[in-house]
Amino acid sequence: MKKILLTFSSLALTVSMFAFTVNANTKTRLSMEVPFAFSIGDTVVVPGEYSVEVTRDQSGGATVGLVDSKGKRIALAVGRIAANNRRTQGDIVFRKNGPELVLSGIVLRDHVINL
């Protein structure tokens, strides 16, 4: 009986640690108006108002979702936290790839995320 109780206690501890790790993700939202067409992943986006939702995890990765002005998620990309940052506001970084511009980075108050 003690062995069964010990096994269930260990299992409960493992589940609670997993739940804590999942809740440790940090989510940040950045609003922007982009006056030109650009791409994120395989999605080409027209000029307009967008929000970028960044969910950082503790392993150094980040998921970046692009949301249009109607609240619809139109693109999702995975990035890597590259460096600490000391800026007061967020920013977005584009890279020229031939004739098109590609969203290549997100600068947050405390981190830079490369896509």
PDB file of N, CA and C in Angstrom:
ATOM      1  N   MET A   1       0.826  -1.190   0.000  1.00  0.00           N
ATOM      2  CA  MET A   1       0.000   0.000   0.000  1.00  0.00           C
ATOM      3  C   MET A   1       0.874   1.260   0.000  1.00  0.00           C
ATOM      4  N   LYS A   2       1.966   1.266   0.791  1.00  0.00           N
ATOM      5  CA  LYS A   2       2.863   2.417   0.822  1.00  0.00           C
ATOM      6  C   LYS A   2       3.503   2.643  -0.540  1.00  0.00           C
ATOM      7  N   LYS A   3       3.850   1.540  -1.235  1.00  0.00           N
ATOM      8  CA  LYS A   3       4.487   1.649  -2.535  1.00  0.00           C
ATOM      9  C   LYS A   3       3.524   2.275  -3.551  1.00  0.00           C
ATOM     10  N   ILE A   4       2.257   1.903  -3.516  1.00  0.00           N
ATOM     11  CA  ILE A   4       1.264   2.465  -4.428  1.00  0.00           C
ATOM     12  C   ILE A   4       1.076   3.952  -4.148  1.00  0.00           C
ATOM     13  N   LEU A   5       0.977   4.329  -2.889  1.00  0.00           N
ATOM     14  CA  LEU A   5       0.803   5.722  -2.505  1.00  0.00           C
ATOM     15  C   LEU A   5       2.015   6.545  -2.931  1.00  0.00           C
ATOM     16  N   LEU A   6       3.213   6.014  -2.776  1.00  0.00           N
ATOM     17  CA  LEU A   6       4.436   6.699  -3.171  1.00  0.00           C
ATOM     18  C   LEU A   6       4.465   6.909  -4.689  1.00  0.00           C
ATOM     19  N   THR A   7       4.029   5.910  -5.449  1.00  0.00           N
ATOM     20  CA  THR A   7       3.990   6.017  -6.907  1.00  0.00           C
ATOM     21  C   THR A   7       3.014   7.104  -7.339  1.00  0.00           C
ATOM     22  N   PHE A   8       1.822   7.146  -6.742  1.00  0.00           N
ATOM     23  CA  PHE A   8       0.852   8.186  -7.081  1.00  0.00           C
ATOM     24  C   PHE A   8       1.350   9.567  -6.671  1.00  0.00           C
ATOM     25  N   SER A   9       2.053   9.676  -5.553  1.00  0.00           N
ATOM     26  CA  SER A   9       2.622  10.960  -5.127  1.00  0.00           C
ATOM     27  C   SER A   9       3.662  11.435  -6.123  1.00  0.00           C
ATOM     28  N   SER A  10       4.507  10.532  -6.605  1.00  0.00           N
ATOM     29  CA  SER A  10       5.523  10.896  -7.595  1.00  0.00           C
ATOM     30  C   SER A  10       4.872  11.345  -8.891  1.00  0.00           C
ATOM     31  N   LEU A  11       3.817  10.647  -9.312  1.00  0.00           N
ATOM     32  CA  LEU A  11       3.111  10.994 -10.523  1.00  0.00           C
ATOM     33  C   LEU A  11       2.460  12.373 -10.387  1.00  0.00           C
ATOM     34  N   ALA A  12       1.846  12.659  -9.267  1.00  0.00           N
ATOM     35  CA  ALA A  12       1.208  13.957  -9.035  1.00  0.00           C
ATOM     36  C   ALA A  12       2.245  15.074  -9.055  1.00  0.00           C
ATOM     37  N   LEU A  13       3.419  14.847  -8.516  1.00  0.00           N
ATOM     38  CA  LEU A  13       4.484  15.835  -8.514  1.00  0.00           C
ATOM     39  C   LEU A  13       4.958  16.101  -9.938  1.00  0.00           C
ATOM     40  N   THR A  14       5.097  15.059 -10.734  1.00  0.00           N
ATOM     41  CA  THR A  14       5.520  15.210 -12.124  1.00  0.00           C
ATOM     42  C   THR A  14       4.505  16.009 -12.918  1.00  0.00           C
ATOM     43  N   VAL A  15       3.230  15.732 -12.780  1.00  0.00           N
ATOM     44  CA  VAL A  15       2.181  16.450 -13.499  1.00  0.00           C
ATOM     45  C   VAL A  15       2.153  17.908 -13.078  1.00  0.00           C
ATOM     46  N   SER A  16       2.295  18.210 -11.811  1.00  0.00           N
ATOM     47  CA  SER A  16       2.248  19.597 -11.361  1.00  0.00           C
ATOM     48  C   SER A  16       3.462  20.381 -11.854  1.00  0.00           C
ATOM     49  N   MET A  17       4.632  19.765 -11.959  1.00  0.00           N
ATOM     50  CA  MET A  17       5.805  20.453 -12.492  1.00  0.00           C
ATOM     51  C   MET A  17       5.613  20.739 -13.978  1.00  0.00           C
ATOM     52  N   PHE A  18       5.012  19.826 -14.724  1.00  0.00           N
ATOM     53  CA  PHE A  18       4.750  20.028 -16.142  1.00  0.00           C
ATOM     54  C   PHE A  18       3.780  21.193 -16.329  1.00  0.00           C
ATOM     55  N   ALA A  19       2.742  21.239 -15.537  1.00  0.00           N
ATOM     56  CA  ALA A  19       1.759  22.311 -15.638  1.00  0.00           C
ATOM     57  C   ALA A  19       2.407  23.658 -15.344  1.00  0.00           C
ATOM     58  N   PHE A  20       3.335  23.718 -14.408  1.00  0.00           N
ATOM     59  CA  PHE A  20       4.034  24.953 -14.065  1.00  0.00           C
ATOM     60  C   PHE A  20       4.902  25.403 -15.233  1.00  0.00           C
ATOM     61  N   THR A  21       5.563  24.462 -15.870  1.00  0.00           N
ATOM     62  CA  THR A  21       6.421  24.793 -17.003  1.00  0.00           C
ATOM     63  C   THR A  21       5.601  25.338 -18.163  1.00  0.00           C
ATOM     64  N   VAL A  22       4.463  24.764 -18.428  1.00  0.00           N
ATOM     65  CA  VAL A  22       3.608  25.246 -19.503  1.00  0.00           C
ATOM     66  C   VAL A  22       3.158  26.671 -19.220  1.00  0.00           C
ATOM     67  N   ASN A  23       2.814  26.977 -17.979  1.00  0.00           N
ATOM     68  CA  ASN A  23       2.348  28.307 -17.624  1.00  0.00           C
ATOM     69  C   ASN A  23       3.462  29.342 -17.558  1.00  0.00           C
ATOM     70  N   ALA A  24       4.723  28.924 -17.655  1.00  0.00           N
ATOM     71  CA  ALA A  24       5.842  29.852 -17.566  1.00  0.00           C
ATOM     72  C   ALA A  24       6.113  30.574 -18.884  1.00  0.00           C
ATOM     73  N   ASN A  25       5.390  30.242 -19.960  1.00  0.00           N
ATOM     74  CA  ASN A  25       5.555  30.937 -21.231  1.00  0.00           C
ATOM     75  C   ASN A  25       5.140  32.392 -21.080  1.00  0.00           C
ATOM     76  N   THR A  26       5.850  33.283 -21.767  1.00  0.00           N
ATOM     77  CA  THR A  26       5.573  34.704 -21.689  1.00  0.00           C
ATOM     78  C   THR A  26       5.012  35.178 -23.019  1.00  0.00           C
ATOM     79  N   LYS A  27       3.882  35.888 -22.977  1.00  0.00           N
ATOM     80  CA  LYS A  27       3.230  36.360 -24.205  1.00  0.00           C
ATOM     81  C   LYS A  27       3.297  37.883 -24.259  1.00  0.00           C
ATOM     82  N   THR A  28       3.687  38.419 -25.425  1.00  0.00           N
ATOM     83  CA  THR A  28       3.796  39.862 -25.639  1.00  0.00           C
ATOM     84  C   THR A  28       3.091  40.212 -26.935  1.00  0.00           C
ATOM     85  N   ARG A  29       2.442  41.362 -26.960  1.00  0.00           N
ATOM     86  CA  ARG A  29       1.745  41.813 -28.179  1.00  0.00           C
ATOM     87  C   ARG A  29       2.299  43.172 -28.595  1.00  0.00           C
ATOM     88  N   LEU A  30       2.545  43.305 -29.897  1.00  0.00           N
ATOM     89  CA  LEU A  30       3.096  44.531 -30.465  1.00  0.00           C
ATOM     90  C   LEU A  30       2.215  44.930 -31.643  1.00  0.00           C
ATOM     91  N   SER A  31       1.684  46.156 -31.631  1.00  0.00           N
ATOM     92  CA  SER A  31       0.849  46.639 -32.732  1.00  0.00           C
ATOM     93  C   SER A  31       1.697  47.457 -33.692  1.00  0.00           C
ATOM     94  N   MET A  32       1.343  47.386 -34.983  1.00  0.00           N
ATOM     95  CA  MET A  32       2.134  48.098 -35.980  1.00  0.00           C
ATOM     96  C   MET A  32       1.289  48.415 -37.202  1.00  0.00           C
ATOM     97  N   GLU A  33       1.688  49.434 -37.920  1.00  0.00           N
ATOM     98  CA  GLU A  33       1.096  49.737 -39.216  1.00  0.00           C
ATOM     99  C   GLU A  33       2.217  49.643 -40.234  1.00  0.00           C
ATOM    100  N   VAL A  34       2.033  48.779 -41.223  1.00  0.00           N
ATOM    101  CA  VAL A  34       3.070  48.543 -42.225  1.00  0.00           C
ATOM    102  C   VAL A  34       2.571  49.103 -43.559  1.00  0.00           C
ATOM    103  N   PRO A  35       3.294  50.083 -44.139  1.00  0.00           N
ATOM    104  CA  PRO A  35       2.832  50.738 -45.365  1.00  0.00           C
ATOM    105  C   PRO A  35       3.217  50.019 -46.669  1.00  0.00           C
ATOM    106  N   PHE A  36       3.726  48.796 -46.577  1.00  0.00           N
ATOM    107  CA  PHE A  36       4.150  48.065 -47.769  1.00  0.00           C
ATOM    108  C   PHE A  36       3.838  46.581 -47.585  1.00  0.00           C
ATOM    109  N   ALA A  37       3.789  45.854 -48.707  1.00  0.00           N
ATOM    110  CA  ALA A  37       3.556  44.410 -48.662  1.00  0.00           C
ATOM    111  C   ALA A  37       4.824  43.723 -48.149  1.00  0.00           C
ATOM    112  N   PHE A  38       4.643  42.602 -47.438  1.00  0.00           N
ATOM    113  CA  PHE A  38       5.774  41.838 -46.936  1.00  0.00           C
ATOM    114  C   PHE A  38       5.347  40.394 -46.777  1.00  0.00           C
ATOM    115  N   SER A  39       6.303  39.534 -46.476  1.00  0.00           N
ATOM    116  CA  SER A  39       5.957  38.129 -46.245  1.00  0.00           C
ATOM    117  C   SER A  39       6.469  37.687 -44.890  1.00  0.00           C
ATOM    118  N   ILE A  40       5.764  36.710 -44.343  1.00  0.00           N
ATOM    119  CA  ILE A  40       6.176  36.035 -43.115  1.00  0.00           C
ATOM    120  C   ILE A  40       5.946  34.551 -43.386  1.00  0.00           C
ATOM    121  N   GLY A  41       7.018  33.798 -43.393  1.00  0.00           N
ATOM    122  CA  GLY A  41       6.913  32.398 -43.786  1.00  0.00           C
ATOM    123  C   GLY A  41       6.485  32.317 -45.239  1.00  0.00           C
ATOM    124  N   ASP A  42       5.451  31.541 -45.530  1.00  0.00           N
ATOM    125  CA  ASP A  42       4.934  31.396 -46.897  1.00  0.00           C
ATOM    126  C   ASP A  42       3.780  32.350 -47.193  1.00  0.00           C
ATOM    127  N   THR A  43       3.447  33.218 -46.244  1.00  0.00           N
ATOM    128  CA  THR A  43       2.296  34.103 -46.387  1.00  0.00           C
ATOM    129  C   THR A  43       2.733  35.493 -46.836  1.00  0.00           C
ATOM    130  N   VAL A  44       2.147  35.985 -47.916  1.00  0.00           N
ATOM    131  CA  VAL A  44       2.389  37.359 -48.376  1.00  0.00           C
ATOM    132  C   VAL A  44       1.278  38.224 -47.791  1.00  0.00           C
ATOM    133  N   VAL A  45       1.657  39.336 -47.199  1.00  0.00           N
ATOM    134  CA  VAL A  45       0.730  40.194 -46.469  1.00  0.00           C
ATOM    135  C   VAL A  45       0.677  41.562 -47.137  1.00  0.00           C
ATOM    136  N   VAL A  46      -0.530  42.097 -47.308  1.00  0.00           N
ATOM    137  CA  VAL A  46      -0.714  43.420 -47.911  1.00  0.00           C
ATOM    138  C   VAL A  46      -0.463  44.504 -46.860  1.00  0.00           C
ATOM    139  N   PRO A  47      -0.226  45.754 -47.295  1.00  0.00           N
ATOM    140  CA  PRO A  47      -0.052  46.844 -46.325  1.00  0.00           C
ATOM    141  C   PRO A  47      -1.279  46.975 -45.420  1.00  0.00           C
ATOM    142  N   GLY A  48      -1.045  47.338 -44.166  1.00  0.00           N
ATOM    143  CA  GLY A  48      -2.160  47.508 -43.241  1.00  0.00           C
ATOM    144  C   GLY A  48      -1.738  47.500 -41.791  1.00  0.00           C
ATOM    145  N   GLU A  49      -2.734  47.445 -40.897  1.00  0.00           N
ATOM    146  CA  GLU A  49      -2.494  47.409 -39.452  1.00  0.00           C
ATOM    147  C   GLU A  49      -2.487  45.968 -38.976  1.00  0.00           C
ATOM    148  N   TYR A  50      -1.489  45.620 -38.175  1.00  0.00           N
ATOM    149  CA  TYR A  50      -1.320  44.260 -37.687  1.00  0.00           C
ATOM    150  C   TYR A  50      -0.861  44.274 -36.232  1.00  0.00           C
ATOM    151  N   SER A  51      -1.073  43.152 -35.584  1.00  0.00           N
ATOM    152  CA  SER A  51      -0.502  42.907 -34.265  1.00  0.00           C
ATOM    153  C   SER A  51       0.380  41.677 -34.383  1.00  0.00           C
ATOM    154  N   VAL A  52       1.478  41.716 -33.671  1.00  0.00           N
ATOM    155  CA  VAL A  52       2.372  40.573 -33.599  1.00  0.00           C
ATOM    156  C   VAL A  52       2.263  40.028 -32.181  1.00  0.00           C
ATOM    157  N   GLU A  53       1.905  38.758 -32.053  1.00  0.00           N
ATOM    158  CA  GLU A  53       1.822  38.102 -30.746  1.00  0.00           C
ATOM    159  C   GLU A  53       3.028  37.176 -30.606  1.00  0.00           C
ATOM    160  N   VAL A  54       3.859  37.455 -29.631  1.00  0.00           N
ATOM    161  CA  VAL A  54       5.065  36.669 -29.401  1.00  0.00           C
ATOM    162  C   VAL A  54       4.898  35.879 -28.113  1.00  0.00           C
ATOM    163  N   THR A  55       5.019  34.564 -28.205  1.00  0.00           N
ATOM    164  CA  THR A  55       4.976  33.699 -27.032  1.00  0.00           C
ATOM    165  C   THR A  55       6.366  33.096 -26.865  1.00  0.00           C
ATOM    166  N   ARG A  56       7.059  33.514 -25.809  1.00  0.00           N
ATOM    167  CA  ARG A  56       8.413  33.019 -25.546  1.00  0.00           C
ATOM    168  C   ARG A  56       8.351  31.843 -24.598  1.00  0.00           C
ATOM    169  N   ASP A  57       9.209  30.861 -24.821  1.00  0.00           N
ATOM    170  CA  ASP A  57       9.294  29.749 -23.887  1.00  0.00           C
ATOM    171  C   ASP A  57      10.651  29.771 -23.195  1.00  0.00           C
ATOM    172  N   GLN A  58      10.808  28.938 -22.203  1.00  0.00           N
ATOM    173  CA  GLN A  58      12.031  28.947 -21.400  1.00  0.00           C
ATOM    174  C   GLN A  58      13.217  28.290 -22.086  1.00  0.00           C
ATOM    175  N   SER A  59      12.993  27.622 -23.211  1.00  0.00           N
ATOM    176  CA  SER A  59      14.094  26.958 -23.906  1.00  0.00           C
ATOM    177  C   SER A  59      14.801  27.893 -24.880  1.00  0.00           C
ATOM    178  N   GLY A  60      14.356  29.148 -24.980  1.00  0.00           N
ATOM    179  CA  GLY A  60      14.995  30.102 -25.875  1.00  0.00           C
ATOM    180  C   GLY A  60      14.297  30.242 -27.210  1.00  0.00           C
ATOM    181  N   GLY A  61      13.136  29.647 -27.355  1.00  0.00           N
ATOM    182  CA  GLY A  61      12.368  29.746 -28.593  1.00  0.00           C
ATOM    183  C   GLY A  61      11.206  30.698 -28.443  1.00  0.00           C
ATOM    184  N   ALA A  62      10.585  31.004 -29.564  1.00  0.00           N
ATOM    185  CA  ALA A  62       9.417  31.881 -29.551  1.00  0.00           C
ATOM    186  C   ALA A  62       8.515  31.544 -30.729  1.00  0.00           C
ATOM    187  N   THR A  63       7.216  31.659 -30.503  1.00  0.00           N
ATOM    188  CA  THR A  63       6.227  31.523 -31.564  1.00  0.00           C
ATOM    189  C   THR A  63       5.700  32.917 -31.852  1.00  0.00           C
ATOM    190  N   VAL A  64       5.678  33.294 -33.125  1.00  0.00           N
ATOM    191  CA  VAL A  64       5.246  34.626 -33.533  1.00  0.00           C
ATOM    192  C   VAL A  64       4.004  34.484 -34.409  1.00  0.00           C
ATOM    193  N   GLY A  65       2.907  35.073 -33.959  1.00  0.00           N
ATOM    194  CA  GLY A  65       1.669  35.058 -34.725  1.00  0.00           C
ATOM    195  C   GLY A  65       1.369  36.445 -35.245  1.00  0.00           C
ATOM    196  N   LEU A  66       0.986  36.540 -36.505  1.00  0.00           N
ATOM    197  CA  LEU A  66       0.604  37.818 -37.099  1.00  0.00           C
ATOM    198  C   LEU A  66      -0.914  37.865 -37.165  1.00  0.00           C
ATOM    199  N   VAL A  67      -1.506  38.906 -36.580  1.00  0.00           N
ATOM    200  CA  VAL A  67      -2.959  39.050 -36.483  1.00  0.00           C
ATOM    201  C   VAL A  67      -3.369  40.317 -37.224  1.00  0.00           C
ATOM    202  N   ASP A  68      -4.394  40.212 -38.081  1.00  0.00           N
ATOM    203  CA  ASP A  68      -4.837  41.390 -38.822  1.00  0.00           C
ATOM    204  C   ASP A  68      -5.716  42.289 -37.955  1.00  0.00           C
ATOM    205  N   SER A  69      -6.171  43.405 -38.528  1.00  0.00           N
ATOM    206  CA  SER A  69      -6.942  44.391 -37.765  1.00  0.00           C
ATOM    207  C   SER A  69      -8.315  43.879 -37.340  1.00  0.00           C
ATOM    208  N   LYS A  70      -8.776  42.770 -37.930  1.00  0.00           N
ATOM    209  CA  LYS A  70     -10.060  42.174 -37.549  1.00  0.00           C
ATOM    210  C   LYS A  70      -9.900  41.103 -36.478  1.00  0.00           C
ATOM    211  N   GLY A  71      -8.656  40.865 -36.030  1.00  0.00           N
ATOM    212  CA  GLY A  71      -8.410  39.874 -34.994  1.00  0.00           C
ATOM    213  C   GLY A  71      -8.158  38.474 -35.506  1.00  0.00           C
ATOM    214  N   LYS A  72      -8.020  38.310 -36.811  1.00  0.00           N
ATOM    215  CA  LYS A  72      -7.797  36.994 -37.406  1.00  0.00           C
ATOM    216  C   LYS A  72      -6.293  36.717 -37.537  1.00  0.00           C
ATOM    217  N   ARG A  73      -5.867  35.567 -37.027  1.00  0.00           N
ATOM    218  CA  ARG A  73      -4.460  35.183 -37.172  1.00  0.00           C
ATOM    219  C   ARG A  73      -4.229  34.760 -38.610  1.00  0.00           C
ATOM    220  N   ILE A  74      -3.283  35.422 -39.285  1.00  0.00           N
ATOM    221  CA  ILE A  74      -3.063  35.143 -40.698  1.00  0.00           C
ATOM    222  C   ILE A  74      -1.733  34.449 -40.970  1.00  0.00           C
ATOM    223  N   ALA A  75      -0.833  34.440 -39.988  1.00  0.00           N
ATOM    224  CA  ALA A  75       0.447  33.757 -40.185  1.00  0.00           C
ATOM    225  C   ALA A  75       1.027  33.367 -38.832  1.00  0.00           C
ATOM    226  N   LEU A  76       1.821  32.320 -38.855  1.00  0.00           N
ATOM    227  CA  LEU A  76       2.474  31.833 -37.645  1.00  0.00           C
ATOM    228  C   LEU A  76       3.897  31.429 -38.017  1.00  0.00           C
ATOM    229  N   ALA A  77       4.870  31.857 -37.215  1.00  0.00           N
ATOM    230  CA  ALA A  77       6.267  31.527 -37.477  1.00  0.00           C
ATOM    231  C   ALA A  77       6.948  31.171 -36.165  1.00  0.00           C
ATOM    232  N   VAL A  78       8.032  30.441 -36.261  1.00  0.00           N
ATOM    233  CA  VAL A  78       8.817  30.065 -35.091  1.00  0.00           C
ATOM    234  C   VAL A  78      10.136  30.818 -35.148  1.00  0.00           C
ATOM    235  N   GLY A  79      10.544  31.379 -34.015  1.00  0.00           N
ATOM    236  CA  GLY A  79      11.782  32.137 -33.967  1.00  0.00           C
ATOM    237  C   GLY A  79      12.655  31.710 -32.811  1.00  0.00           C
ATOM    238  N   ARG A  80      13.804  32.334 -32.722  1.00  0.00           N
ATOM    239  CA  ARG A  80      14.781  32.047 -31.671  1.00  0.00           C
ATOM    240  C   ARG A  80      15.162  33.355 -30.992  1.00  0.00           C
ATOM    241  N   ILE A  81      15.158  33.363 -29.665  1.00  0.00           N
ATOM    242  CA  ILE A  81      15.566  34.548 -28.917  1.00  0.00           C
ATOM    243  C   ILE A  81      17.077  34.690 -29.088  1.00  0.00           C
ATOM    244  N   ALA A  82      17.504  35.818 -29.656  1.00  0.00           N
ATOM    245  CA  ALA A  82      18.904  35.988 -30.032  1.00  0.00           C
ATOM    246  C   ALA A  82      19.711  36.778 -29.009  1.00  0.00           C
ATOM    247  N   ALA A  83      19.121  37.756 -28.353  1.00  0.00           N
ATOM    248  CA  ALA A  83      19.909  38.613 -27.467  1.00  0.00           C
ATOM    249  C   ALA A  83      19.000  39.355 -26.503  1.00  0.00           C
ATOM    250  N   ASN A  84      19.597  39.814 -25.433  1.00  0.00           N
ATOM    251  CA  ASN A  84      18.891  40.712 -24.527  1.00  0.00           C
ATOM    252  C   ASN A  84      18.895  42.100 -25.142  1.00  0.00           C
ATOM    253  N   ASN A  85      17.942  42.910 -24.768  1.00  0.00           N
ATOM    254  CA  ASN A  85      17.787  44.226 -25.359  1.00  0.00           C
ATOM    255  C   ASN A  85      17.383  45.210 -24.273  1.00  0.00           C
ATOM    256  N   ARG A  86      17.725  46.453 -24.440  1.00  0.00           N
ATOM    257  CA  ARG A  86      17.387  47.477 -23.442  1.00  0.00           C
ATOM    258  C   ARG A  86      16.627  48.640 -24.083  1.00  0.00           C
ATOM    259  N   ARG A  87      15.790  48.378 -25.059  1.00  0.00           N
ATOM    260  CA  ARG A  87      15.025  49.443 -25.708  1.00  0.00           C
ATOM    261  C   ARG A  87      13.764  49.739 -24.916  1.00  0.00           C
ATOM    262  N   THR A  88      13.214  50.915 -25.147  1.00  0.00           N
ATOM    263  CA  THR A  88      11.994  51.299 -24.430  1.00  0.00           C
ATOM    264  C   THR A  88      10.734  50.914 -25.180  1.00  0.00           C
ATOM    265  N   GLN A  89      10.841  50.607 -26.469  1.00  0.00           N
ATOM    266  CA  GLN A  89       9.659  50.215 -27.223  1.00  0.00           C
ATOM    267  C   GLN A  89      10.017  49.107 -28.202  1.00  0.00           C
ATOM    268  N   GLY A  90       8.989  48.441 -28.718  1.00  0.00           N
ATOM    269  CA  GLY A  90       9.201  47.358 -29.656  1.00  0.00           C
ATOM    270  C   GLY A  90       9.444  47.861 -31.070  1.00  0.00           C
ATOM    271  N   ASP A  91       9.925  46.971 -31.912  1.00  0.00           N
ATOM    272  CA  ASP A  91      10.204  47.305 -33.292  1.00  0.00           C
ATOM    273  C   ASP A  91      10.137  46.037 -34.130  1.00  0.00           C
ATOM    274  N   ILE A  92      10.002  46.179 -35.429  1.00  0.00           N
ATOM    275  CA  ILE A  92      10.007  45.037 -36.334  1.00  0.00           C
ATOM    276  C   ILE A  92      11.141  45.224 -37.331  1.00  0.00           C
ATOM    277  N   VAL A  93      11.701  44.114 -37.802  1.00  0.00           N
ATOM    278  CA  VAL A  93      12.848  44.154 -38.705  1.00  0.00           C
ATOM    279  C   VAL A  93      12.494  43.383 -39.973  1.00  0.00           C
ATOM    280  N   PHE A  94      12.774  43.997 -41.109  1.00  0.00           N
ATOM    281  CA  PHE A  94      12.530  43.356 -42.403  1.00  0.00           C
ATOM    282  C   PHE A  94      13.862  43.133 -43.112  1.00  0.00           C
ATOM    283  N   ARG A  95      13.897  42.078 -43.902  1.00  0.00           N
ATOM    284  CA  ARG A  95      15.075  41.755 -44.710  1.00  0.00           C
ATOM    285  C   ARG A  95      14.625  41.745 -46.161  1.00  0.00           C
ATOM    286  N   LYS A  96      15.452  42.307 -47.032  1.00  0.00           N
ATOM    287  CA  LYS A  96      15.118  42.311 -48.456  1.00  0.00           C
ATOM    288  C   LYS A  96      15.574  40.989 -49.059  1.00  0.00           C
ATOM    289  N   ASN A  97      14.643  40.295 -49.706  1.00  0.00           N
ATOM    290  CA  ASN A  97      14.916  39.021 -50.355  1.00  0.00           C
ATOM    291  C   ASN A  97      14.483  39.152 -51.813  1.00  0.00           C
ATOM    292  N   GLY A  98      15.414  39.554 -52.672  1.00  0.00           N
ATOM    293  CA  GLY A  98      15.044  39.865 -54.049  1.00  0.00           C
ATOM    294  C   GLY A  98      14.152  41.090 -54.055  1.00  0.00           C
ATOM    295  N   PRO A  99      13.020  41.032 -54.741  1.00  0.00           N
ATOM    296  CA  PRO A  99      12.130  42.193 -54.783  1.00  0.00           C
ATOM    297  C   PRO A  99      11.198  42.317 -53.565  1.00  0.00           C
ATOM    298  N   GLU A 100      11.133  41.299 -52.724  1.00  0.00           N
ATOM    299  CA  GLU A 100      10.167  41.345 -51.617  1.00  0.00           C
ATOM    300  C   GLU A 100      10.854  41.577 -50.263  1.00  0.00           C
ATOM    301  N   LEU A 101      10.065  42.076 -49.328  1.00  0.00           N
ATOM    302  CA  LEU A 101      10.524  42.267 -47.954  1.00  0.00           C
ATOM    303  C   LEU A 101       9.973  41.138 -47.097  1.00  0.00           C
ATOM    304  N   VAL A 102      10.819  40.604 -46.229  1.00  0.00           N
ATOM    305  CA  VAL A 102      10.463  39.475 -45.377  1.00  0.00           C
ATOM    306  C   VAL A 102      10.601  39.910 -43.926  1.00  0.00           C
ATOM    307  N   LEU A 103       9.569  39.646 -43.123  1.00  0.00           N
ATOM    308  CA  LEU A 103       9.657  39.913 -41.685  1.00  0.00           C
ATOM    309  C   LEU A 103      10.700  38.964 -41.104  1.00  0.00           C
ATOM    310  N   SER A 104      11.802  39.524 -40.586  1.00  0.00           N
ATOM    311  CA  SER A 104      12.911  38.680 -40.147  1.00  0.00           C
ATOM    312  C   SER A 104      13.226  38.806 -38.663  1.00  0.00           C
ATOM    313  N   GLY A 105      12.615  39.767 -37.973  1.00  0.00           N
ATOM    314  CA  GLY A 105      12.910  39.902 -36.553  1.00  0.00           C
ATOM    315  C   GLY A 105      11.905  40.773 -35.823  1.00  0.00           C
ATOM    316  N   ILE A 106      11.799  40.528 -34.542  1.00  0.00           N
ATOM    317  CA  ILE A 106      10.951  41.307 -33.646  1.00  0.00           C
ATOM    318  C   ILE A 106      11.840  41.791 -32.514  1.00  0.00           C
ATOM    319  N   VAL A 107      11.835  43.098 -32.264  1.00  0.00           N
ATOM    320  CA  VAL A 107      12.608  43.666 -31.163  1.00  0.00           C
ATOM    321  C   VAL A 107      11.617  44.046 -30.075  1.00  0.00           C
ATOM    322  N   LEU A 108      11.727  43.387 -28.931  1.00  0.00           N
ATOM    323  CA  LEU A 108      10.872  43.683 -27.783  1.00  0.00           C
ATOM    324  C   LEU A 108      11.678  44.503 -26.776  1.00  0.00           C
ATOM    325  N   ARG A 109      11.033  44.908 -25.695  1.00  0.00           N
ATOM    326  CA  ARG A 109      11.748  45.706 -24.696  1.00  0.00           C
ATOM    327  C   ARG A 109      12.937  44.965 -24.098  1.00  0.00           C
ATOM    328  N   ASP A 110      12.824  43.649 -23.983  1.00  0.00           N
ATOM    329  CA  ASP A 110      13.887  42.917 -23.288  1.00  0.00           C
ATOM    330  C   ASP A 110      14.568  41.840 -24.128  1.00  0.00           C
ATOM    331  N   HIS A 111      14.084  41.569 -25.354  1.00  0.00           N
ATOM    332  CA  HIS A 111      14.678  40.522 -26.184  1.00  0.00           C
ATOM    333  C   HIS A 111      14.582  40.865 -27.661  1.00  0.00           C
ATOM    334  N   VAL A 112      15.475  40.273 -28.434  1.00  0.00           N
ATOM    335  CA  VAL A 112      15.408  40.325 -29.888  1.00  0.00           C
ATOM    336  C   VAL A 112      15.101  38.912 -30.355  1.00  0.00           C
ATOM    337  N   ILE A 113      14.122  38.762 -31.251  1.00  0.00           N
ATOM    338  CA  ILE A 113      13.737  37.441 -31.736  1.00  0.00           C
ATOM    339  C   ILE A 113      13.987  37.402 -33.236  1.00  0.00           C
ATOM    340  N   ASN A 114      14.818  36.460 -33.666  1.00  0.00           N
ATOM    341  CA  ASN A 114      15.092  36.251 -35.089  1.00  0.00           C
ATOM    342  C   ASN A 114      14.156  35.190 -35.644  1.00  0.00           C
ATOM    343  N   LEU A 115      13.586  35.480 -36.808  1.00  0.00           N
ATOM    344  CA  LEU A 115      12.696  34.528 -37.467  1.00  0.00           C
ATOM    345  C   LEU A 115      13.435  33.827 -38.586  1.00  0.00           C
TER     346      LEU A 115
END
